[in-house]
C-alpha atoms as a PDB file:
ATOM      1  CA  MET A   1     -27.656 109.161  15.271  1.00  0.00           C
ATOM      2  CA  GLU A   2     -25.486 110.730  12.606  1.00  0.00           C
ATOM      3  CA  THR A   3     -25.537 114.474  12.019  1.00  0.00           C
ATOM      4  CA  PRO A   4     -26.732 115.259   8.493  1.00  0.00           C
ATOM      5  CA  SER A   5     -24.093 116.819   6.275  1.00  0.00           C
ATOM      6  CA  GLU A   6     -23.569 117.522   2.622  1.00  0.00           C
ATOM      7  CA  PRO A   7     -23.102 114.295   0.681  1.00  0.00           C
ATOM      8  CA  ALA A   8     -19.583 113.292  -0.261  1.00  0.00           C
ATOM      9  CA  LYS A   9     -18.912 113.321  -3.996  1.00  0.00           C
ATOM     10  CA  VAL A  10     -17.718 110.007  -5.420  1.00  0.00           C
ATOM     11  CA  LEU A  11     -16.978 109.202  -9.049  1.00  0.00           C
ATOM     12  CA  ALA A  12     -16.569 105.781 -10.673  1.00  0.00           C
ATOM     13  CA  VAL A  13     -14.677 105.664 -13.976  1.00  0.00           C
ATOM     14  CA  CYS A  14     -14.379 103.076 -16.730  1.00  0.00           C
ATOM     15  CA  THR A  15     -14.027 103.274 -20.493  1.00  0.00           C
ATOM     16  CA  GLY A  16     -17.500 103.373 -22.050  1.00  0.00           C
ATOM     17  CA  ASN A  17     -19.512 104.088 -18.881  1.00  0.00           C
ATOM     18  CA  ILE A  18     -21.853 101.214 -19.713  1.00  0.00           C
ATOM     19  CA  CYS A  19     -20.489  98.260 -17.701  1.00  0.00           C
ATOM     20  CA  ARG A  20     -18.058  98.631 -14.807  1.00  0.00           C
ATOM     21  CA  SER A  21     -18.467 102.239 -13.665  1.00  0.00           C
ATOM     22  CA  PRO A  22     -22.271 102.126 -13.583  1.00  0.00           C
ATOM     23  CA  ALA A  23     -22.040  98.882 -11.570  1.00  0.00           C
ATOM     24  CA  MET A  24     -19.718 100.656  -9.110  1.00  0.00           C
ATOM     25  CA  GLU A  25     -22.079 103.641  -9.015  1.00  0.00           C
ATOM     26  CA  PHE A  26     -25.158 101.530  -8.270  1.00  0.00           C
ATOM     27  CA  TYR A  27     -23.272  99.434  -5.696  1.00  0.00           C
ATOM     28  CA  LEU A  28     -22.033 102.485  -3.798  1.00  0.00           C
ATOM     29  CA  LYS A  29     -25.413 104.203  -3.984  1.00  0.00           C
ATOM     30  CA  ARG A  30     -26.954 101.147  -2.359  1.00  0.00           C
ATOM     31  CA  ALA A  31     -24.303 101.077   0.373  1.00  0.00           C
ATOM     32  CA  TRP A  32     -23.934 104.781   1.101  1.00  0.00           C
ATOM     33  CA  GLY A  33     -27.371 106.132   0.197  1.00  0.00           C
ATOM     34  CA  ALA A  34     -27.788 109.868   0.742  1.00  0.00           C
ATOM     35  CA  ALA A  35     -24.345 110.143   2.386  1.00  0.00           C
ATOM     36  CA  ALA A  36     -22.704 110.184  -1.044  1.00  0.00           C
ATOM     37  CA  ALA A  37     -23.566 111.672  -4.407  1.00  0.00           C
ATOM     38  CA  VAL A  38     -22.164 108.824  -6.505  1.00  0.00           C
ATOM     39  CA  THR A  39     -21.872 109.256 -10.246  1.00  0.00           C
ATOM     40  CA  SER A  40     -19.950 107.621 -13.068  1.00  0.00           C
ATOM     41  CA  ALA A  41     -18.301 108.587 -16.330  1.00  0.00           C
ATOM     42  CA  GLY A  42     -16.224 107.066 -19.100  1.00  0.00           C
ATOM     43  CA  THR A  43     -12.959 108.005 -20.746  1.00  0.00           C
ATOM     44  CA  ILE A  44     -14.547 107.150 -24.106  1.00  0.00           C
ATOM     45  CA  ALA A  45     -18.195 107.264 -23.113  1.00  0.00           C
ATOM     46  CA  ALA A  46     -20.539 105.219 -25.277  1.00  0.00           C
ATOM     47  CA  THR A  47     -23.091 108.017 -25.354  1.00  0.00           C
ATOM     48  CA  GLY A  48     -26.503 106.936 -26.534  1.00  0.00           C
ATOM     49  CA  TRP A  49     -25.826 103.302 -25.581  1.00  0.00           C
ATOM     50  CA  HIS A  50     -27.402 101.268 -22.818  1.00  0.00           C
ATOM     51  CA  ILE A  51     -26.017  98.908 -20.205  1.00  0.00           C
ATOM     52  CA  PRO A  52     -25.527  95.589 -22.030  1.00  0.00           C
ATOM     53  CA  ALA A  53     -28.037  92.887 -21.081  1.00  0.00           C
ATOM     54  CA  PRO A  54     -25.386  90.535 -19.608  1.00  0.00           C
ATOM     55  CA  MET A  55     -24.060  93.334 -17.356  1.00  0.00           C
ATOM     56  CA  ARG A  56     -27.560  94.331 -16.310  1.00  0.00           C
ATOM     57  CA  ALA A  57     -28.246  90.673 -15.447  1.00  0.00           C
ATOM     58  CA  VAL A  58     -25.187  90.340 -13.178  1.00  0.00           C
ATOM     59  CA  GLU A  59     -25.947  93.678 -11.517  1.00  0.00           C
ATOM     60  CA  GLU A  60     -29.513  92.604 -10.803  1.00  0.00           C
ATOM     61  CA  ALA A  61     -28.282  89.189  -9.586  1.00  0.00           C
ATOM     62  CA  ALA A  62     -26.083  91.119  -7.129  1.00  0.00           C
ATOM     63  CA  GLY A  63     -29.234  92.785  -5.807  1.00  0.00           C
ATOM     64  CA  LEU A  64     -28.608  96.153  -7.430  1.00  0.00           C
ATOM     65  CA  VAL A  65     -31.320  98.450  -8.671  1.00  0.00           C
ATOM     66  CA  VAL A  66     -30.362  99.174 -12.275  1.00  0.00           C
ATOM     67  CA  PRO A  67     -32.116 102.297 -13.523  1.00  0.00           C
ATOM     68  CA  ASP A  68     -31.906 103.676 -17.043  1.00  0.00           C
ATOM     69  CA  HIS A  69     -28.392 104.990 -17.467  1.00  0.00           C
ATOM     70  CA  ASP A  70     -27.050 107.610 -19.865  1.00  0.00           C
ATOM     71  CA  PRO A  71     -23.295 107.225 -20.400  1.00  0.00           C
ATOM     72  CA  ARG A  72     -21.374 110.404 -19.604  1.00  0.00           C
ATOM     73  CA  GLN A  73     -18.029 111.569 -20.971  1.00  0.00           C
ATOM     74  CA  LEU A  74     -15.395 112.182 -18.323  1.00  0.00           C
ATOM     75  CA  ASP A  75     -13.852 115.650 -18.265  1.00  0.00           C
ATOM     76  CA  VAL A  76     -11.578 117.702 -16.041  1.00  0.00           C
ATOM     77  CA  THR A  77     -14.436 119.577 -14.353  1.00  0.00           C
ATOM     78  CA  ILE A  78     -16.109 116.344 -13.273  1.00  0.00           C
ATOM     79  CA  ILE A  79     -12.837 115.058 -11.804  1.00  0.00           C
ATOM     80  CA  GLU A  80     -12.091 118.296  -9.953  1.00  0.00           C
ATOM     81  CA  GLU A  81     -15.508 118.284  -8.235  1.00  0.00           C
ATOM     82  CA  GLN A  82     -14.984 114.897  -6.529  1.00  0.00           C
ATOM     83  CA  ASP A  83     -13.940 113.884  -3.041  1.00  0.00           C
ATOM     84  CA  LEU A  84     -13.038 110.359  -4.190  1.00  0.00           C
ATOM     85  CA  VAL A  85     -12.418 108.965  -7.681  1.00  0.00           C
ATOM     86  CA  LEU A  86     -12.304 105.199  -8.282  1.00  0.00           C
ATOM     87  CA  VAL A  87     -11.078 103.954 -11.654  1.00  0.00           C
ATOM     88  CA  CYS A  88     -11.090 100.447 -13.075  1.00  0.00           C
ATOM     89  CA  THR A  89      -7.744 100.339 -14.875  1.00  0.00           C
ATOM     90  CA  GLN A  90      -4.350 101.986 -15.043  1.00  0.00           C
ATOM     91  CA  SER A  91      -5.308 103.314 -18.478  1.00  0.00           C
ATOM     92  CA  HIS A  92      -8.079 105.336 -16.794  1.00  0.00           C
ATOM     93  CA  LYS A  93      -5.527 106.857 -14.394  1.00  0.00           C
ATOM     94  CA  ASP A  94      -3.320 107.579 -17.415  1.00  0.00           C
ATOM     95  CA  TRP A  95      -6.252 109.328 -19.156  1.00  0.00           C
ATOM     96  CA  ILE A  96      -6.807 111.475 -16.068  1.00  0.00           C
ATOM     97  CA  GLU A  97      -3.107 112.308 -15.873  1.00  0.00           C
ATOM     98  CA  ARG A  98      -3.054 113.396 -19.537  1.00  0.00           C
ATOM     99  CA  HIS A  99      -6.137 115.595 -19.151  1.00  0.00           C
ATOM    100  CA  VAL A 100      -5.592 117.010 -15.653  1.00  0.00           C
ATOM    101  CA  GLY A 101      -1.795 117.224 -15.772  1.00  0.00           C
ATOM    102  CA  ALA A 102      -1.294 114.801 -12.869  1.00  0.00           C
ATOM    103  CA  VAL A 103      -3.249 112.058 -11.159  1.00  0.00           C
ATOM    104  CA  PRO A 104      -5.058 113.797  -8.293  1.00  0.00           C
ATOM    105  CA  LEU A 105      -4.327 112.388  -4.833  1.00  0.00           C
ATOM    106  CA  ASN A 106      -8.018 111.462  -4.482  1.00  0.00           C
ATOM    107  CA  THR A 107      -7.873 109.070  -7.470  1.00  0.00           C
ATOM    108  CA  PHE A 108      -7.329 105.331  -7.050  1.00  0.00           C
ATOM    109  CA  LEU A 109      -7.603 102.094  -8.943  1.00  0.00           C
ATOM    110  CA  LEU A 110     -10.497 100.261  -7.321  1.00  0.00           C
ATOM    111  CA  THR A 111      -8.220  97.362  -6.365  1.00  0.00           C
ATOM    112  CA  GLU A 112      -5.637  99.807  -5.013  1.00  0.00           C
ATOM    113  CA  ALA A 113      -8.224 101.535  -2.802  1.00  0.00           C
ATOM    114  CA  ALA A 114      -9.293  98.199  -1.351  1.00  0.00           C
ATOM    115  CA  ALA A 115      -5.676  97.170  -0.680  1.00  0.00           C
ATOM    116  CA  LEU A 116      -4.859 100.524   0.906  1.00  0.00           C
ATOM    117  CA  ALA A 117      -7.940 100.303   3.124  1.00  0.00           C
ATOM    118  CA  ALA A 118      -6.315  97.256   4.734  1.00  0.00           C
ATOM    119  CA  VAL A 119      -3.358  99.346   5.925  1.00  0.00           C
ATOM    120  CA  ALA A 120      -4.769 102.880   6.204  1.00  0.00           C
ATOM    121  CA  ARG A 121      -6.080 104.560   9.316  1.00  0.00           C
ATOM    122  CA  ARG A 122      -9.866 104.306   9.499  1.00  0.00           C
ATOM    123  CA  PRO A 123     -11.781 107.447   8.586  1.00  0.00           C
ATOM    124  CA  VAL A 124     -13.379 109.375  11.416  1.00  0.00           C
ATOM    125  CA  GLY A 125     -16.172 111.889  11.273  1.00  0.00           C
ATOM    126  CA  ASP A 126     -19.552 112.749  12.687  1.00  0.00           C
ATOM    127  CA  SER A 127     -21.347 111.328   9.674  1.00  0.00           C
ATOM    128  CA  LEU A 128     -20.860 108.738   6.963  1.00  0.00           C
ATOM    129  CA  ALA A 129     -20.514 111.590   4.454  1.00  0.00           C
ATOM    130  CA  ASP A 130     -17.674 113.062   6.535  1.00  0.00           C
ATOM    131  CA  ARG A 131     -15.937 109.666   6.684  1.00  0.00           C
ATOM    132  CA  ILE A 132     -16.267 109.186   2.918  1.00  0.00           C
ATOM    133  CA  ARG A 133     -14.872 112.688   2.346  1.00  0.00           C
ATOM    134  CA  THR A 134     -11.780 111.945   4.478  1.00  0.00           C
ATOM    135  CA  ALA A 135     -11.236 108.500   2.914  1.00  0.00           C
ATOM    136  CA  ALA A 136      -9.187 109.751  -0.049  1.00  0.00           C
ATOM    137  CA  SER A 137      -6.615 111.577   2.080  1.00  0.00           C
ATOM    138  CA  LEU A 138      -6.197 108.549   4.355  1.00  0.00           C
ATOM    139  CA  LEU A 139      -5.857 106.179   1.398  1.00  0.00           C
ATOM    140  CA  SER A 140      -3.362 108.531  -0.221  1.00  0.00           C
ATOM    141  CA  ALA A 141      -1.318 108.732   2.976  1.00  0.00           C
ATOM    142  CA  ALA A 142      -1.200 104.915   3.092  1.00  0.00           C
ATOM    143  CA  ARG A 143       0.345 104.646  -0.375  1.00  0.00           C
ATOM    144  CA  SER A 144       3.806 104.584   1.193  1.00  0.00           C
ATOM    145  CA  LEU A 145       2.796 101.423   3.094  1.00  0.00           C
ATOM    146  CA  ASP A 146       1.759  99.542  -0.038  1.00  0.00           C
ATOM    147  CA  ASP A 147       4.259  99.060  -2.851  1.00  0.00           C
ATOM    148  CA  LYS A 148       2.345  96.396  -4.760  1.00  0.00           C
ATOM    149  CA  MET A 149       1.073  96.608  -8.297  1.00  0.00           C
ATOM    150  CA  HIS A 150      -2.709  96.493  -8.350  1.00  0.00           C
ATOM    151  CA  ALA A 151      -4.820  94.591 -10.832  1.00  0.00           C
ATOM    152  CA  ASP A 152      -7.209  96.191 -13.258  1.00  0.00           C
ATOM    153  CA  VAL A 153     -10.891  95.331 -13.310  1.00  0.00           C
ATOM    154  CA  GLU A 154     -10.983  94.261 -16.952  1.00  0.00           C
ATOM    155  CA  ASP A 155     -13.653  95.437 -19.374  1.00  0.00           C
ATOM    156  CA  PRO A 156     -16.183  92.641 -19.888  1.00  0.00           C
ATOM    157  CA  TYR A 157     -17.839  94.212 -22.926  1.00  0.00           C
ATOM    158  CA  LEU A 158     -18.255  91.603 -25.688  1.00  0.00           C
ATOM    159  CA  HIS A 159     -16.026  89.090 -23.870  1.00  0.00           C
ATOM    160  CA  GLY A 160     -18.769  86.609 -22.972  1.00  0.00           C
ATOM    161  CA  ASP A 161     -21.030  86.077 -19.983  1.00  0.00           C
ATOM    162  CA  GLU A 162     -18.235  84.893 -17.689  1.00  0.00           C
ATOM    163  CA  ALA A 163     -16.363  88.186 -18.179  1.00  0.00           C
ATOM    164  CA  TYR A 164     -19.406  90.097 -16.886  1.00  0.00           C
ATOM    165  CA  VAL A 165     -19.663  87.780 -13.883  1.00  0.00           C
ATOM    166  CA  THR A 166     -15.948  88.217 -13.146  1.00  0.00           C
ATOM    167  CA  ALA A 167     -16.096  92.004 -13.434  1.00  0.00           C
ATOM    168  CA  MET A 168     -19.106  92.226 -11.099  1.00  0.00           C
ATOM    169  CA  ARG A 169     -17.445  89.874  -8.585  1.00  0.00           C
ATOM    170  CA  GLU A 170     -14.246  91.938  -8.575  1.00  0.00           C
ATOM    171  CA  ILE A 171     -16.217  95.169  -8.206  1.00  0.00           C
ATOM    172  CA  ALA A 172     -18.276  93.782  -5.326  1.00  0.00           C
ATOM    173  CA  GLU A 173     -15.299  92.258  -3.489  1.00  0.00           C
ATOM    174  CA  ASN A 174     -13.237  95.438  -3.668  1.00  0.00           C
ATOM    175  CA  LEU A 175     -16.101  97.800  -2.885  1.00  0.00           C
ATOM    176  CA  ASP A 176     -17.119  95.645   0.096  1.00  0.00           C
ATOM    177  CA  VAL A 177     -13.646  96.158   1.576  1.00  0.00           C
ATOM    178  CA  LEU A 178     -13.827  99.916   1.015  1.00  0.00           C
ATOM    179  CA  ILE A 179     -17.371 100.183   2.367  1.00  0.00           C
ATOM    180  CA  ALA A 180     -16.510  98.235   5.534  1.00  0.00           C
ATOM    181  CA  TRP A 181     -13.385 100.337   6.076  1.00  0.00           C
ATOM    182  CA  VAL A 182     -15.284 103.629   5.772  1.00  0.00           C
ATOM    183  CA  GLY A 183     -17.766 102.281   8.316  1.00  0.00           C
END
């Protein structure tokens, strides 16, 4: 039985915080439960908006619980509070670099994190929260072993139903790798 510990802090980032990052948030909440305080934010948050119906449909088809969601604007304080930050595109990393002054070592493209998990040492710890907390440093250390360019998870907003399906599939495939690696 795992020893209870403070939840790890994990942030998912996209542009409007209405499609990809909430899907990542809900997916990780389902997988990690109370072991992680998973939140999401957007670089240009669509405050006052709701998750588009096609995105909600693909999230629910993936078995996710999709609660009401209020988009949140990303800021430096939110970033600095996290143990692990997963972004959807290089432009999100660029936004963080402009606002923080550098891309923190705990910040990864989602596809990059999944690729690094294939070559990084597995996290160890007495609890799932401890393993999640150590994941960023292990992924960062593995960057020297992976010199590939990593794909963005493209924004599906207003690009048709297939774009929403593709985004959810890419999110699920990459998060499944990360979740299995953390253990």
